[in-house]
Amino acid sequence: MAEKSGATFGELYKAKSITDADLDAAIDANFADPTTPWS
């Protein structure tokens, strides 16, 4: 995954800095435990 830059997932995705798989993994992780912070 892209290094921490302060950009949102959407911005990173549009810039092609993260892949569909990266975004899917982040969403799946949030659904699995929505109390975990996104950082």
N, C-alpha and C. Protein backbone atom coordinates (compact mmCIF):
# COMPACT_ATOMS: atom_id res chain seq x y z
N MET A 1 0.84 -1.17 0.00
CA MET A 1 0.00 0.00 0.00
C MET A 1 0.88 1.24 0.00
N ALA A 2 0.33 2.34 -0.42
CA ALA A 2 1.09 3.58 -0.51
C ALA A 2 1.51 4.05 0.88
N GLU A 3 2.63 4.75 0.93
CA GLU A 3 3.06 5.28 2.21
C GLU A 3 2.13 6.39 2.68
N LYS A 4 2.13 6.66 3.96
CA LYS A 4 1.22 7.63 4.56
C LYS A 4 1.54 9.03 4.02
N SER A 5 0.53 9.69 3.45
CA SER A 5 0.75 11.00 2.87
C SER A 5 -0.30 12.01 3.28
N GLY A 6 -1.31 11.58 4.03
CA GLY A 6 -2.40 12.48 4.39
C GLY A 6 -3.51 12.49 3.36
N ALA A 7 -3.32 11.80 2.24
CA ALA A 7 -4.34 11.74 1.20
C ALA A 7 -5.40 10.71 1.59
N THR A 8 -6.59 10.88 1.07
CA THR A 8 -7.65 9.92 1.32
C THR A 8 -7.48 8.70 0.41
N PHE A 9 -8.18 7.62 0.76
CA PHE A 9 -8.14 6.44 -0.10
C PHE A 9 -8.62 6.80 -1.50
N GLY A 10 -9.67 7.62 -1.59
CA GLY A 10 -10.21 8.01 -2.89
C GLY A 10 -9.19 8.77 -3.71
N GLU A 11 -8.46 9.68 -3.07
CA GLU A 11 -7.44 10.45 -3.79
C GLU A 11 -6.31 9.55 -4.26
N LEU A 12 -5.89 8.63 -3.39
CA LEU A 12 -4.83 7.71 -3.77
C LEU A 12 -5.27 6.78 -4.89
N TYR A 13 -6.51 6.34 -4.84
CA TYR A 13 -7.05 5.46 -5.88
C TYR A 13 -7.11 6.19 -7.23
N LYS A 14 -7.61 7.41 -7.22
CA LYS A 14 -7.69 8.19 -8.46
C LYS A 14 -6.31 8.46 -9.04
N ALA A 15 -5.32 8.62 -8.16
CA ALA A 15 -3.95 8.88 -8.61
C ALA A 15 -3.23 7.58 -8.99
N LYS A 16 -3.94 6.45 -8.86
CA LYS A 16 -3.40 5.12 -9.17
C LYS A 16 -2.23 4.76 -8.26
N SER A 17 -2.24 5.31 -7.02
CA SER A 17 -1.21 4.97 -6.03
C SER A 17 -1.57 3.72 -5.26
N ILE A 18 -2.85 3.34 -5.27
CA ILE A 18 -3.29 2.09 -4.67
C ILE A 18 -4.13 1.34 -5.69
N THR A 19 -4.19 0.05 -5.53
CA THR A 19 -4.91 -0.80 -6.48
C THR A 19 -6.31 -1.10 -5.99
N ASP A 20 -7.10 -1.72 -6.85
CA ASP A 20 -8.43 -2.19 -6.45
C ASP A 20 -8.30 -3.14 -5.25
N ALA A 21 -7.29 -4.00 -5.29
CA ALA A 21 -7.10 -4.97 -4.21
C ALA A 21 -6.78 -4.26 -2.89
N ASP A 22 -5.99 -3.19 -2.94
CA ASP A 22 -5.69 -2.42 -1.73
C ASP A 22 -6.96 -1.81 -1.14
N LEU A 23 -7.75 -1.23 -1.99
CA LEU A 23 -8.99 -0.60 -1.55
C LEU A 23 -9.96 -1.64 -1.01
N ASP A 24 -10.09 -2.77 -1.71
CA ASP A 24 -10.95 -3.85 -1.24
C ASP A 24 -10.51 -4.36 0.13
N ALA A 25 -9.20 -4.51 0.33
CA ALA A 25 -8.67 -5.00 1.61
C ALA A 25 -8.99 -4.02 2.73
N ALA A 26 -8.88 -2.73 2.47
CA ALA A 26 -9.19 -1.72 3.50
C ALA A 26 -10.66 -1.75 3.86
N ILE A 27 -11.51 -1.89 2.87
CA ILE A 27 -12.96 -1.95 3.11
C ILE A 27 -13.31 -3.22 3.88
N ASP A 28 -12.75 -4.36 3.46
CA ASP A 28 -13.01 -5.62 4.14
C ASP A 28 -12.55 -5.56 5.60
N ALA A 29 -11.39 -4.97 5.85
CA ALA A 29 -10.88 -4.84 7.22
C ALA A 29 -11.81 -3.99 8.06
N ASN A 30 -12.36 -2.93 7.48
CA ASN A 30 -13.28 -2.07 8.23
C ASN A 30 -14.57 -2.79 8.54
N PHE A 31 -15.10 -3.55 7.59
CA PHE A 31 -16.32 -4.32 7.85
C PHE A 31 -16.08 -5.38 8.92
N ALA A 32 -14.89 -5.98 8.94
CA ALA A 32 -14.57 -7.02 9.91
C ALA A 32 -14.51 -6.45 11.32
N ASP A 33 -13.99 -5.23 11.48
CA ASP A 33 -13.90 -4.59 12.79
C ASP A 33 -14.01 -3.09 12.63
N PRO A 34 -15.24 -2.55 12.61
CA PRO A 34 -15.43 -1.12 12.36
C PRO A 34 -14.92 -0.22 13.48
N THR A 35 -14.47 -0.78 14.60
CA THR A 35 -13.93 0.06 15.68
C THR A 35 -12.46 0.38 15.47
N THR A 36 -11.81 -0.32 14.54
CA THR A 36 -10.39 -0.08 14.26
C THR A 36 -10.23 1.20 13.46
N PRO A 37 -9.32 2.10 13.89
CA PRO A 37 -9.09 3.33 13.13
C PRO A 37 -8.47 3.06 11.76
N TRP A 38 -8.68 3.96 10.81
CA TRP A 38 -8.19 3.81 9.44
C TRP A 38 -6.71 4.14 9.28
N SER A 39 -6.08 4.68 10.28
CA SER A 39 -4.69 5.14 10.14
C SER A 39 -3.69 4.05 9.91
